[in-house]
Amino acid sequence: MVRALPTEVRHRVGAELRYVQQGEMPSDWKPMATLGAGVYEIRIRMGKQYRVFYVARFSESVYVLHVFTKKTQQTARQDLEAGARRYRELMAERRDP
């Protein structure tokens, strides 16, 4: 996921996720409640547009659900579906460890 991004973008993603780990909000974000309760999107613009779906509502960790390069103005259905599927998998795993 993140490893496939260009180096400078990976550094930016890491910095934004550190903000989240410290209890702050990223510099550019929006809620993604359609994917699941507590899911947010980090928006990164560095030449291209990059997105990170994550969940930070649990005290032990920030869960990155999906990272992708956004190619059109509207988020692709496959990216939304990937984020929603991983959210469901995370919730199922937390229920049945």
N, C-alpha and C. Protein backbone atom coordinates (compact mmCIF):
# COMPACT_ATOMS: atom_id res chain seq x y z
N MET A 1 0.83 -1.18 0.00
CA MET A 1 0.00 0.00 0.00
C MET A 1 0.88 1.25 0.00
N VAL A 2 1.33 1.68 1.16
CA VAL A 2 2.12 2.90 1.26
C VAL A 2 3.47 2.72 0.56
N ARG A 3 4.04 1.54 0.64
CA ARG A 3 5.37 1.30 0.05
C ARG A 3 5.39 1.50 -1.46
N ALA A 4 4.26 1.42 -2.11
CA ALA A 4 4.20 1.58 -3.56
C ALA A 4 4.23 3.05 -3.98
N LEU A 5 4.10 3.96 -3.03
CA LEU A 5 4.08 5.39 -3.35
C LEU A 5 5.49 5.93 -3.51
N PRO A 6 5.64 7.05 -4.22
CA PRO A 6 6.95 7.70 -4.31
C PRO A 6 7.47 8.08 -2.91
N THR A 7 8.77 8.11 -2.76
CA THR A 7 9.41 8.34 -1.46
C THR A 7 8.89 9.59 -0.76
N GLU A 8 8.83 10.72 -1.47
CA GLU A 8 8.40 11.97 -0.83
C GLU A 8 6.94 11.89 -0.37
N VAL A 9 6.13 11.17 -1.10
CA VAL A 9 4.72 10.99 -0.71
C VAL A 9 4.64 10.09 0.53
N ARG A 10 5.45 9.03 0.56
CA ARG A 10 5.49 8.15 1.75
C ARG A 10 5.86 8.94 3.00
N HIS A 11 6.82 9.84 2.88
CA HIS A 11 7.21 10.66 4.02
C HIS A 11 6.06 11.55 4.48
N ARG A 12 5.35 12.10 3.52
CA ARG A 12 4.21 12.97 3.86
C ARG A 12 3.09 12.16 4.52
N VAL A 13 2.81 10.97 4.00
CA VAL A 13 1.80 10.09 4.60
C VAL A 13 2.21 9.77 6.04
N GLY A 14 3.48 9.44 6.24
CA GLY A 14 3.97 9.14 7.58
C GLY A 14 3.80 10.31 8.52
N ALA A 15 4.10 11.51 8.07
CA ALA A 15 3.94 12.70 8.90
C ALA A 15 2.48 12.92 9.26
N GLU A 16 1.59 12.76 8.29
CA GLU A 16 0.16 12.95 8.55
C GLU A 16 -0.36 11.90 9.55
N LEU A 17 0.10 10.66 9.40
CA LEU A 17 -0.34 9.61 10.33
C LEU A 17 0.23 9.83 11.73
N ARG A 18 1.42 10.44 11.82
CA ARG A 18 1.97 10.79 13.15
C ARG A 18 1.08 11.80 13.84
N TYR A 19 0.56 12.78 13.09
CA TYR A 19 -0.39 13.74 13.68
C TYR A 19 -1.57 12.98 14.30
N VAL A 20 -2.08 12.04 13.54
CA VAL A 20 -3.24 11.26 14.01
C VAL A 20 -2.87 10.47 15.27
N GLN A 21 -1.69 9.84 15.27
CA GLN A 21 -1.26 9.07 16.44
C GLN A 21 -1.13 9.96 17.68
N GLN A 22 -0.83 11.22 17.49
CA GLN A 22 -0.68 12.16 18.60
C GLN A 22 -2.00 12.80 19.01
N GLY A 23 -3.09 12.33 18.40
CA GLY A 23 -4.41 12.84 18.76
C GLY A 23 -4.84 14.08 18.01
N GLU A 24 -4.09 14.47 17.00
CA GLU A 24 -4.42 15.64 16.19
C GLU A 24 -5.04 15.18 14.87
N MET A 25 -5.55 16.12 14.12
CA MET A 25 -6.10 15.80 12.81
C MET A 25 -5.05 16.12 11.75
N PRO A 26 -5.07 15.39 10.64
CA PRO A 26 -4.13 15.68 9.55
C PRO A 26 -4.37 17.08 8.99
N SER A 27 -3.44 17.55 8.16
CA SER A 27 -3.56 18.90 7.63
C SER A 27 -4.70 19.05 6.62
N ASP A 28 -5.04 17.99 5.89
CA ASP A 28 -6.14 18.03 4.91
C ASP A 28 -6.87 16.69 4.98
N TRP A 29 -8.10 16.71 5.44
CA TRP A 29 -8.83 15.47 5.66
C TRP A 29 -10.32 15.70 5.50
N LYS A 30 -11.05 14.58 5.45
CA LYS A 30 -12.51 14.65 5.50
C LYS A 30 -13.02 13.32 6.05
N PRO A 31 -14.17 13.34 6.71
CA PRO A 31 -14.76 12.09 7.21
C PRO A 31 -15.30 11.27 6.04
N MET A 32 -15.22 9.95 6.20
CA MET A 32 -15.72 9.02 5.17
C MET A 32 -16.71 8.06 5.82
N ALA A 33 -17.75 8.60 6.42
CA ALA A 33 -18.73 7.80 7.15
C ALA A 33 -19.41 6.77 6.26
N THR A 34 -19.43 6.99 4.96
CA THR A 34 -20.05 6.01 4.06
C THR A 34 -19.26 4.70 4.05
N LEU A 35 -17.99 4.75 4.44
CA LEU A 35 -17.16 3.53 4.49
C LEU A 35 -17.30 2.82 5.83
N GLY A 36 -17.59 3.59 6.88
CA GLY A 36 -17.73 3.00 8.20
C GLY A 36 -17.58 4.07 9.27
N ALA A 37 -18.07 3.79 10.45
CA ALA A 37 -18.01 4.75 11.56
C ALA A 37 -16.56 5.01 11.93
N GLY A 38 -16.17 6.28 11.96
CA GLY A 38 -14.83 6.65 12.36
C GLY A 38 -13.79 6.56 11.27
N VAL A 39 -14.20 6.37 10.01
CA VAL A 39 -13.24 6.32 8.90
C VAL A 39 -13.03 7.75 8.38
N TYR A 40 -11.76 8.09 8.16
CA TYR A 40 -11.39 9.39 7.62
C TYR A 40 -10.51 9.21 6.40
N GLU A 41 -10.42 10.28 5.61
CA GLU A 41 -9.58 10.29 4.43
C GLU A 41 -8.56 11.41 4.58
N ILE A 42 -7.28 11.07 4.42
CA ILE A 42 -6.23 12.08 4.34
C ILE A 42 -6.04 12.39 2.86
N ARG A 43 -6.02 13.69 2.54
CA ARG A 43 -5.84 14.12 1.16
C ARG A 43 -4.46 14.74 1.01
N ILE A 44 -3.68 14.21 0.09
CA ILE A 44 -2.33 14.70 -0.16
C ILE A 44 -2.22 15.10 -1.62
N ARG A 45 -1.78 16.32 -1.84
CA ARG A 45 -1.59 16.82 -3.20
C ARG A 45 -0.11 17.12 -3.40
N MET A 46 0.55 16.26 -4.14
CA MET A 46 1.98 16.44 -4.45
C MET A 46 2.17 16.07 -5.91
N GLY A 47 1.82 16.99 -6.79
CA GLY A 47 1.82 16.69 -8.22
C GLY A 47 0.56 15.93 -8.56
N LYS A 48 0.50 14.68 -8.14
CA LYS A 48 -0.73 13.88 -8.25
C LYS A 48 -1.49 13.97 -6.94
N GLN A 49 -2.65 13.39 -6.92
CA GLN A 49 -3.47 13.37 -5.70
C GLN A 49 -3.42 11.98 -5.10
N TYR A 50 -3.15 11.92 -3.80
CA TYR A 50 -3.06 10.65 -3.08
C TYR A 50 -4.05 10.68 -1.94
N ARG A 51 -4.58 9.51 -1.61
CA ARG A 51 -5.56 9.40 -0.54
C ARG A 51 -5.22 8.24 0.38
N VAL A 52 -5.54 8.42 1.66
CA VAL A 52 -5.34 7.39 2.68
C VAL A 52 -6.64 7.30 3.47
N PHE A 53 -7.27 6.13 3.48
CA PHE A 53 -8.43 5.88 4.34
C PHE A 53 -7.90 5.26 5.62
N TYR A 54 -8.32 5.78 6.77
CA TYR A 54 -7.85 5.23 8.04
C TYR A 54 -8.94 5.30 9.11
N VAL A 55 -8.73 4.51 10.16
CA VAL A 55 -9.61 4.52 11.33
C VAL A 55 -8.72 4.77 12.54
N ALA A 56 -9.10 5.73 13.38
CA ALA A 56 -8.31 6.04 14.57
C ALA A 56 -9.17 6.06 15.82
N ARG A 57 -10.26 5.35 15.82
CA ARG A 57 -11.17 5.41 16.96
C ARG A 57 -10.83 4.43 18.07
N PHE A 58 -9.77 3.65 17.88
CA PHE A 58 -9.36 2.69 18.89
C PHE A 58 -8.07 3.19 19.54
N SER A 59 -7.99 3.07 20.85
CA SER A 59 -6.87 3.66 21.59
C SER A 59 -5.53 3.00 21.27
N GLU A 60 -5.53 1.75 20.86
CA GLU A 60 -4.27 1.04 20.68
C GLU A 60 -3.59 1.28 19.34
N SER A 61 -4.32 1.78 18.34
CA SER A 61 -3.71 1.85 17.02
C SER A 61 -4.49 2.73 16.05
N VAL A 62 -3.79 3.17 15.02
CA VAL A 62 -4.40 3.80 13.86
C VAL A 62 -4.35 2.75 12.77
N TYR A 63 -5.48 2.41 12.20
CA TYR A 63 -5.56 1.38 11.17
C TYR A 63 -5.67 2.03 9.80
N VAL A 64 -4.69 1.78 8.94
CA VAL A 64 -4.74 2.26 7.56
C VAL A 64 -5.50 1.23 6.76
N LEU A 65 -6.59 1.65 6.15
CA LEU A 65 -7.45 0.74 5.41
C LEU A 65 -7.09 0.64 3.93
N HIS A 66 -6.75 1.78 3.34
CA HIS A 66 -6.49 1.77 1.89
C HIS A 66 -5.72 3.03 1.53
N VAL A 67 -4.73 2.89 0.64
CA VAL A 67 -3.93 4.00 0.13
C VAL A 67 -3.95 3.91 -1.39
N PHE A 68 -4.18 5.04 -2.05
CA PHE A 68 -4.26 4.99 -3.50
C PHE A 68 -3.98 6.35 -4.12
N THR A 69 -3.69 6.33 -5.41
CA THR A 69 -3.53 7.54 -6.20
C THR A 69 -4.88 7.85 -6.82
N LYS A 70 -5.35 9.05 -6.60
CA LYS A 70 -6.66 9.44 -7.13
C LYS A 70 -6.46 9.98 -8.54
N LYS A 71 -7.18 9.41 -9.49
CA LYS A 71 -6.96 9.76 -10.89
C LYS A 71 -8.07 10.61 -11.49
N THR A 72 -9.22 10.67 -10.85
CA THR A 72 -10.33 11.48 -11.33
C THR A 72 -10.88 12.29 -10.16
N GLN A 73 -11.75 13.24 -10.47
CA GLN A 73 -12.30 14.08 -9.40
C GLN A 73 -13.12 13.25 -8.42
N GLN A 74 -13.87 12.30 -8.92
CA GLN A 74 -14.67 11.44 -8.06
C GLN A 74 -13.85 10.22 -7.67
N THR A 75 -13.93 9.82 -6.40
CA THR A 75 -13.20 8.64 -5.95
C THR A 75 -13.76 7.41 -6.64
N ALA A 76 -12.86 6.61 -7.19
CA ALA A 76 -13.27 5.41 -7.93
C ALA A 76 -14.01 4.44 -7.02
N ARG A 77 -15.02 3.81 -7.57
CA ARG A 77 -15.82 2.85 -6.81
C ARG A 77 -14.97 1.73 -6.23
N GLN A 78 -13.98 1.27 -6.97
CA GLN A 78 -13.14 0.18 -6.49
C GLN A 78 -12.34 0.60 -5.25
N ASP A 79 -11.94 1.87 -5.18
CA ASP A 79 -11.22 2.35 -4.00
C ASP A 79 -12.16 2.46 -2.81
N LEU A 80 -13.38 2.94 -3.04
CA LEU A 80 -14.37 3.00 -1.96
C LEU A 80 -14.71 1.60 -1.46
N GLU A 81 -14.88 0.67 -2.39
CA GLU A 81 -15.20 -0.70 -2.01
C GLU A 81 -14.05 -1.35 -1.23
N ALA A 82 -12.81 -1.08 -1.65
CA ALA A 82 -11.65 -1.64 -0.93
C ALA A 82 -11.60 -1.10 0.50
N GLY A 83 -11.82 0.19 0.68
CA GLY A 83 -11.83 0.77 2.02
C GLY A 83 -12.95 0.20 2.88
N ALA A 84 -14.14 0.08 2.32
CA ALA A 84 -15.28 -0.46 3.07
C ALA A 84 -15.07 -1.93 3.42
N ARG A 85 -14.52 -2.70 2.49
CA ARG A 85 -14.26 -4.12 2.75
C ARG A 85 -13.24 -4.29 3.87
N ARG A 86 -12.18 -3.53 3.83
CA ARG A 86 -11.15 -3.64 4.87
C ARG A 86 -11.67 -3.17 6.22
N TYR A 87 -12.57 -2.19 6.21
CA TYR A 87 -13.19 -1.76 7.46
C TYR A 87 -14.03 -2.91 8.05
N ARG A 88 -14.83 -3.56 7.20
CA ARG A 88 -15.64 -4.69 7.68
C ARG A 88 -14.76 -5.81 8.21
N GLU A 89 -13.66 -6.10 7.51
CA GLU A 89 -12.74 -7.14 7.96
C GLU A 89 -12.11 -6.77 9.31
N LEU A 90 -11.74 -5.52 9.47
CA LEU A 90 -11.17 -5.06 10.73
C LEU A 90 -12.17 -5.22 11.87
N MET A 91 -13.42 -4.82 11.63
CA MET A 91 -14.44 -4.93 12.67
C MET A 91 -14.72 -6.40 13.02
N ALA A 92 -14.73 -7.27 12.02
CA ALA A 92 -14.95 -8.69 12.26
C ALA A 92 -13.79 -9.27 13.08
N GLU A 93 -12.58 -8.88 12.75
CA GLU A 93 -11.40 -9.36 13.47
C GLU A 93 -11.40 -8.87 14.92
N ARG A 94 -11.83 -7.67 15.14
CA ARG A 94 -11.89 -7.13 16.52
C ARG A 94 -12.97 -7.83 17.34
N ARG A 95 -14.05 -8.26 16.69
CA ARG A 95 -15.11 -8.99 17.40
C ARG A 95 -14.69 -10.40 17.76
N ASP A 96 -13.98 -11.05 16.83
CA ASP A 96 -13.57 -12.45 16.99
C ASP A 96 -12.06 -12.59 16.90
N PRO A 97 -11.34 -12.22 17.95
CA PRO A 97 -9.87 -12.25 17.88
C PRO A 97 -9.30 -13.65 17.74
